[in-house]
Each structure stands twice: as C-alpha cells, then as structure tokens.
Amino acid sequence: MHKLIVLYPEPVDRSAFVDYYEKTHLPLAQRLPGLRSWRYSVEVSPDPDGNPPAYFAVFEAEFDDAEAFRSAMGSSEGRAVASDVPNYASGGAVILDYALAGGGAA
C-alpha cells in the first residue's frame, strides 16, 4: 500500500478554502485512477499545550503501490489535481508520499 498525505498550513480565508476544497478540489481528486481510499479533515486539533496546530487541514489517499500512485499523478486527472492546488491553498501545501510498512490493529 502507498499513501499520500497533503498538509495545508493556515489559509488566508478558511471559509473560502473549505468551500472551494469541498466543492471543486475533492471531486477532482476522487477521479484519480487507482485511488483506493481517501479522507480529509479541516478540524486539526491544537497541540497538547493548546497551541494552534501547525496545519489547518490534512488529506490522505491510498494507492496499491508507488507505481499506481505515480501513474495516477502523471495522468490527466493527476495533473488537473496538482494544478488546482494554488486555486485554494493560499498557505501552500506540504506533500508526502510513502510506502506503508508494519502496523496492525490496536
């Protein structure tokens, strides 16, 4: 399994971010070929001391493997998703992708 994480720093306008993200960007992302699952949150908790979180929002997606992820991002749908990010992420985005290893049920 291969995972994509996108971390979004605080945007200039939270409401505009959420509106565009939910109505425009997520429908684009859902079309990525080979996408197995996805989820997101715009309710990132403060740190244990009550300080604001480093990120405003987080997106997670899973693909079968690195090849499937790279193929998805290289597709026309993947290029559309990537080129759409500046339309809503005024704070930028931190993108991580990695193969999952280990783990299990708690």
N, C-alpha and C. Protein backbone atom coordinates (compact mmCIF):
# COMPACT_ATOMS: atom_id res chain seq x y z
N MET A 1 0.85 -1.17 0.00
CA MET A 1 0.00 0.00 0.00
C MET A 1 0.90 1.24 0.00
N HIS A 2 0.47 2.26 -0.72
CA HIS A 2 1.21 3.52 -0.82
C HIS A 2 0.28 4.66 -0.39
N LYS A 3 0.79 5.55 0.43
CA LYS A 3 -0.04 6.61 1.00
C LYS A 3 0.43 7.98 0.54
N LEU A 4 -0.53 8.85 0.32
CA LEU A 4 -0.29 10.27 0.04
C LEU A 4 -0.88 11.05 1.20
N ILE A 5 -0.10 11.98 1.74
CA ILE A 5 -0.57 12.90 2.77
C ILE A 5 -0.32 14.31 2.25
N VAL A 6 -1.34 15.16 2.33
CA VAL A 6 -1.17 16.58 1.99
C VAL A 6 -1.54 17.37 3.24
N LEU A 7 -0.60 18.20 3.72
CA LEU A 7 -0.80 19.04 4.89
C LEU A 7 -0.93 20.48 4.42
N TYR A 8 -1.96 21.14 4.88
CA TYR A 8 -2.22 22.52 4.45
C TYR A 8 -2.03 23.48 5.63
N PRO A 9 -1.05 24.40 5.52
CA PRO A 9 -0.92 25.45 6.53
C PRO A 9 -2.15 26.37 6.50
N GLU A 10 -2.27 27.18 7.52
CA GLU A 10 -3.40 28.11 7.65
C GLU A 10 -3.56 28.94 6.38
N PRO A 11 -4.76 28.93 5.78
CA PRO A 11 -5.00 29.74 4.58
C PRO A 11 -5.35 31.19 4.96
N VAL A 12 -5.35 32.05 3.99
CA VAL A 12 -5.75 33.44 4.22
C VAL A 12 -7.21 33.50 4.65
N ASP A 13 -8.06 32.68 4.03
CA ASP A 13 -9.50 32.70 4.31
C ASP A 13 -9.98 31.25 4.47
N ARG A 14 -10.21 30.85 5.71
CA ARG A 14 -10.64 29.47 5.99
C ARG A 14 -11.91 29.08 5.26
N SER A 15 -12.89 29.95 5.29
CA SER A 15 -14.18 29.66 4.67
C SER A 15 -14.04 29.45 3.17
N ALA A 16 -13.27 30.31 2.51
CA ALA A 16 -13.06 30.17 1.07
C ALA A 16 -12.31 28.87 0.76
N PHE A 17 -11.33 28.53 1.59
CA PHE A 17 -10.58 27.27 1.41
C PHE A 17 -11.55 26.10 1.44
N VAL A 18 -12.32 25.99 2.52
CA VAL A 18 -13.22 24.84 2.71
C VAL A 18 -14.24 24.77 1.58
N ASP A 19 -14.83 25.90 1.22
CA ASP A 19 -15.83 25.91 0.16
C ASP A 19 -15.26 25.39 -1.16
N TYR A 20 -14.12 25.93 -1.57
CA TYR A 20 -13.51 25.52 -2.83
C TYR A 20 -13.03 24.07 -2.74
N TYR A 21 -12.40 23.73 -1.63
CA TYR A 21 -11.83 22.39 -1.44
C TYR A 21 -12.91 21.32 -1.56
N GLU A 22 -14.02 21.52 -0.86
CA GLU A 22 -15.07 20.51 -0.85
C GLU A 22 -15.87 20.46 -2.15
N LYS A 23 -16.09 21.61 -2.77
CA LYS A 23 -16.93 21.65 -3.96
C LYS A 23 -16.18 21.43 -5.27
N THR A 24 -14.89 21.77 -5.29
CA THR A 24 -14.14 21.71 -6.54
C THR A 24 -12.95 20.75 -6.48
N HIS A 25 -12.09 20.90 -5.47
CA HIS A 25 -10.86 20.12 -5.47
C HIS A 25 -11.09 18.64 -5.15
N LEU A 26 -11.86 18.36 -4.12
CA LEU A 26 -12.08 16.95 -3.76
C LEU A 26 -12.75 16.16 -4.88
N PRO A 27 -13.74 16.72 -5.60
CA PRO A 27 -14.28 15.98 -6.74
C PRO A 27 -13.23 15.68 -7.80
N LEU A 28 -12.26 16.58 -7.99
CA LEU A 28 -11.16 16.30 -8.92
C LEU A 28 -10.31 15.14 -8.40
N ALA A 29 -9.97 15.19 -7.12
CA ALA A 29 -9.11 14.17 -6.52
C ALA A 29 -9.77 12.79 -6.57
N GLN A 30 -11.09 12.74 -6.42
CA GLN A 30 -11.80 11.46 -6.43
C GLN A 30 -11.69 10.75 -7.78
N ARG A 31 -11.33 11.48 -8.80
CA ARG A 31 -11.21 10.89 -10.15
C ARG A 31 -9.83 10.31 -10.43
N LEU A 32 -8.91 10.40 -9.47
CA LEU A 32 -7.56 9.87 -9.70
C LEU A 32 -7.64 8.37 -9.99
N PRO A 33 -7.06 7.93 -11.10
CA PRO A 33 -7.08 6.50 -11.40
C PRO A 33 -6.29 5.71 -10.36
N GLY A 34 -6.83 4.59 -9.94
CA GLY A 34 -6.15 3.73 -8.99
C GLY A 34 -6.31 4.15 -7.54
N LEU A 35 -7.07 5.19 -7.27
CA LEU A 35 -7.30 5.65 -5.90
C LEU A 35 -8.12 4.61 -5.15
N ARG A 36 -7.58 4.08 -4.07
CA ARG A 36 -8.29 3.04 -3.29
C ARG A 36 -9.17 3.63 -2.20
N SER A 37 -8.67 4.66 -1.52
CA SER A 37 -9.44 5.31 -0.47
C SER A 37 -8.90 6.71 -0.24
N TRP A 38 -9.72 7.55 0.36
CA TRP A 38 -9.29 8.90 0.69
C TRP A 38 -10.11 9.42 1.86
N ARG A 39 -9.55 10.41 2.54
CA ARG A 39 -10.23 11.07 3.64
C ARG A 39 -9.56 12.41 3.88
N TYR A 40 -10.25 13.31 4.57
CA TYR A 40 -9.65 14.60 4.86
C TYR A 40 -10.25 15.16 6.15
N SER A 41 -9.61 16.20 6.68
CA SER A 41 -10.15 16.90 7.83
C SER A 41 -9.72 18.36 7.78
N VAL A 42 -10.62 19.23 8.17
CA VAL A 42 -10.30 20.65 8.37
C VAL A 42 -10.49 20.98 9.86
N GLU A 43 -10.37 19.95 10.68
CA GLU A 43 -10.53 20.10 12.13
C GLU A 43 -9.31 19.53 12.85
N VAL A 44 -8.13 20.02 12.49
CA VAL A 44 -6.90 19.55 13.11
C VAL A 44 -6.83 20.12 14.53
N SER A 45 -6.55 19.27 15.50
CA SER A 45 -6.55 19.65 16.91
C SER A 45 -5.33 20.46 17.30
N PRO A 46 -5.48 21.30 18.32
CA PRO A 46 -4.31 22.01 18.87
C PRO A 46 -3.31 21.00 19.43
N ASP A 47 -2.08 21.45 19.67
CA ASP A 47 -1.09 20.55 20.27
C ASP A 47 -1.44 20.33 21.75
N PRO A 48 -0.74 19.43 22.44
CA PRO A 48 -1.09 19.12 23.84
C PRO A 48 -1.09 20.32 24.78
N ASP A 49 -0.33 21.37 24.43
CA ASP A 49 -0.30 22.57 25.28
C ASP A 49 -1.37 23.59 24.89
N GLY A 50 -2.21 23.25 23.90
CA GLY A 50 -3.27 24.14 23.49
C GLY A 50 -2.87 25.14 22.42
N ASN A 51 -1.65 25.02 21.92
CA ASN A 51 -1.21 25.91 20.85
C ASN A 51 -1.89 25.54 19.54
N PRO A 52 -2.10 26.52 18.66
CA PRO A 52 -2.72 26.21 17.36
C PRO A 52 -1.91 25.15 16.61
N PRO A 53 -2.59 24.31 15.87
CA PRO A 53 -1.87 23.27 15.11
C PRO A 53 -1.01 23.89 14.01
N ALA A 54 0.01 23.18 13.60
CA ALA A 54 0.89 23.65 12.53
C ALA A 54 0.17 23.63 11.19
N TYR A 55 -0.88 22.83 11.08
CA TYR A 55 -1.60 22.71 9.81
C TYR A 55 -3.09 22.88 10.04
N PHE A 56 -3.75 23.49 9.07
CA PHE A 56 -5.18 23.75 9.12
C PHE A 56 -5.98 22.54 8.65
N ALA A 57 -5.48 21.85 7.63
CA ALA A 57 -6.21 20.73 7.04
C ALA A 57 -5.23 19.63 6.64
N VAL A 58 -5.78 18.42 6.51
CA VAL A 58 -4.98 17.26 6.09
C VAL A 58 -5.82 16.41 5.13
N PHE A 59 -5.15 15.86 4.12
CA PHE A 59 -5.78 14.95 3.16
C PHE A 59 -4.94 13.69 3.12
N GLU A 60 -5.61 12.53 3.10
CA GLU A 60 -4.93 11.24 2.99
C GLU A 60 -5.54 10.46 1.83
N ALA A 61 -4.69 9.79 1.07
CA ALA A 61 -5.17 8.92 0.00
C ALA A 61 -4.29 7.68 -0.03
N GLU A 62 -4.86 6.57 -0.48
CA GLU A 62 -4.11 5.32 -0.59
C GLU A 62 -4.23 4.74 -1.98
N PHE A 63 -3.11 4.18 -2.42
CA PHE A 63 -2.99 3.52 -3.71
C PHE A 63 -2.36 2.15 -3.48
N ASP A 64 -2.48 1.26 -4.45
CA ASP A 64 -1.92 -0.09 -4.29
C ASP A 64 -0.42 -0.07 -4.01
N ASP A 65 0.31 0.75 -4.75
CA ASP A 65 1.77 0.79 -4.61
C ASP A 65 2.28 2.11 -5.20
N ALA A 66 3.58 2.31 -5.12
CA ALA A 66 4.19 3.55 -5.62
C ALA A 66 3.95 3.73 -7.11
N GLU A 67 3.98 2.66 -7.86
CA GLU A 67 3.75 2.74 -9.30
C GLU A 67 2.33 3.24 -9.60
N ALA A 68 1.36 2.74 -8.88
CA ALA A 68 -0.03 3.20 -9.07
C ALA A 68 -0.17 4.67 -8.70
N PHE A 69 0.50 5.09 -7.63
CA PHE A 69 0.46 6.50 -7.23
C PHE A 69 1.09 7.38 -8.30
N ARG A 70 2.27 7.01 -8.76
CA ARG A 70 2.96 7.82 -9.78
C ARG A 70 2.16 7.86 -11.08
N SER A 71 1.56 6.76 -11.44
CA SER A 71 0.73 6.72 -12.63
C SER A 71 -0.48 7.65 -12.48
N ALA A 72 -1.11 7.62 -11.31
CA ALA A 72 -2.26 8.48 -11.05
C ALA A 72 -1.87 9.95 -11.15
N MET A 73 -0.76 10.31 -10.56
CA MET A 73 -0.35 11.72 -10.55
C MET A 73 0.15 12.17 -11.92
N GLY A 74 0.60 11.24 -12.74
CA GLY A 74 1.04 11.57 -14.09
C GLY A 74 -0.08 11.60 -15.12
N SER A 75 -1.26 11.15 -14.70
CA SER A 75 -2.41 11.12 -15.60
C SER A 75 -2.97 12.53 -15.79
N SER A 76 -3.89 12.68 -16.74
CA SER A 76 -4.52 13.99 -16.93
C SER A 76 -5.29 14.40 -15.68
N GLU A 77 -5.90 13.44 -14.99
CA GLU A 77 -6.60 13.74 -13.74
C GLU A 77 -5.62 14.21 -12.66
N GLY A 78 -4.48 13.54 -12.57
CA GLY A 78 -3.46 13.92 -11.59
C GLY A 78 -2.90 15.31 -11.86
N ARG A 79 -2.67 15.61 -13.13
CA ARG A 79 -2.18 16.95 -13.48
C ARG A 79 -3.22 18.01 -13.15
N ALA A 80 -4.50 17.69 -13.36
CA ALA A 80 -5.58 18.64 -13.01
C ALA A 80 -5.61 18.88 -11.50
N VAL A 81 -5.46 17.83 -10.71
CA VAL A 81 -5.45 17.96 -9.26
C VAL A 81 -4.28 18.84 -8.82
N ALA A 82 -3.10 18.55 -9.32
CA ALA A 82 -1.90 19.31 -8.93
C ALA A 82 -2.01 20.78 -9.34
N SER A 83 -2.50 21.03 -10.53
CA SER A 83 -2.57 22.42 -10.99
C SER A 83 -3.68 23.20 -10.30
N ASP A 84 -4.62 22.51 -9.64
CA ASP A 84 -5.72 23.17 -8.95
C ASP A 84 -5.32 23.69 -7.56
N VAL A 85 -4.29 23.13 -6.97
CA VAL A 85 -3.90 23.47 -5.59
C VAL A 85 -3.74 24.99 -5.37
N PRO A 86 -3.07 25.73 -6.23
CA PRO A 86 -2.93 27.17 -5.99
C PRO A 86 -4.26 27.94 -5.99
N ASN A 87 -5.33 27.32 -6.50
CA ASN A 87 -6.62 27.99 -6.54
C ASN A 87 -7.28 28.12 -5.17
N TYR A 88 -6.83 27.36 -4.18
CA TYR A 88 -7.46 27.41 -2.85
C TYR A 88 -6.46 27.41 -1.71
N ALA A 89 -5.27 26.87 -1.91
CA ALA A 89 -4.30 26.70 -0.82
C ALA A 89 -3.38 27.92 -0.73
N SER A 90 -3.92 29.03 -0.23
CA SER A 90 -3.14 30.27 -0.14
C SER A 90 -1.95 30.14 0.80
N GLY A 91 -2.01 29.18 1.72
CA GLY A 91 -0.89 28.93 2.63
C GLY A 91 0.09 27.90 2.10
N GLY A 92 -0.16 27.40 0.90
CA GLY A 92 0.70 26.36 0.33
C GLY A 92 0.26 24.98 0.75
N ALA A 93 1.08 24.00 0.46
CA ALA A 93 0.78 22.61 0.80
C ALA A 93 2.08 21.84 0.96
N VAL A 94 2.11 20.95 1.93
CA VAL A 94 3.23 20.04 2.15
C VAL A 94 2.76 18.67 1.70
N ILE A 95 3.48 18.06 0.76
CA ILE A 95 3.05 16.80 0.18
C ILE A 95 4.05 15.71 0.55
N LEU A 96 3.53 14.61 1.10
CA LEU A 96 4.34 13.44 1.45
C LEU A 96 3.72 12.23 0.80
N ASP A 97 4.56 11.36 0.25
CA ASP A 97 4.05 10.06 -0.20
C ASP A 97 5.06 9.01 0.20
N TYR A 98 4.53 7.84 0.57
CA TYR A 98 5.41 6.80 1.11
C TYR A 98 4.71 5.44 1.09
N ALA A 99 5.53 4.41 1.09
CA ALA A 99 5.02 3.04 1.19
C ALA A 99 4.72 2.75 2.67
N LEU A 100 3.61 2.09 2.91
CA LEU A 100 3.26 1.69 4.28
C LEU A 100 3.98 0.41 4.63
N ALA A 101 4.41 0.32 5.88
CA ALA A 101 5.10 -0.87 6.37
C ALA A 101 4.67 -1.13 7.81
N GLY A 102 4.52 -2.38 8.15
CA GLY A 102 4.19 -2.74 9.54
C GLY A 102 2.81 -2.30 9.95
N GLY A 103 2.57 -2.39 11.23
CA GLY A 103 1.29 -1.95 11.79
C GLY A 103 0.37 -3.10 12.09
N GLY A 104 -0.82 -2.77 12.48
CA GLY A 104 -1.84 -3.76 12.81
C GLY A 104 -2.92 -3.11 13.64
N ALA A 105 -3.85 -3.89 14.05
CA ALA A 105 -4.96 -3.38 14.87
C ALA A 105 -4.49 -3.17 16.30
N ALA A 106 -5.06 -2.17 16.93
CA ALA A 106 -4.70 -1.87 18.33
C ALA A 106 -5.42 -2.79 19.28
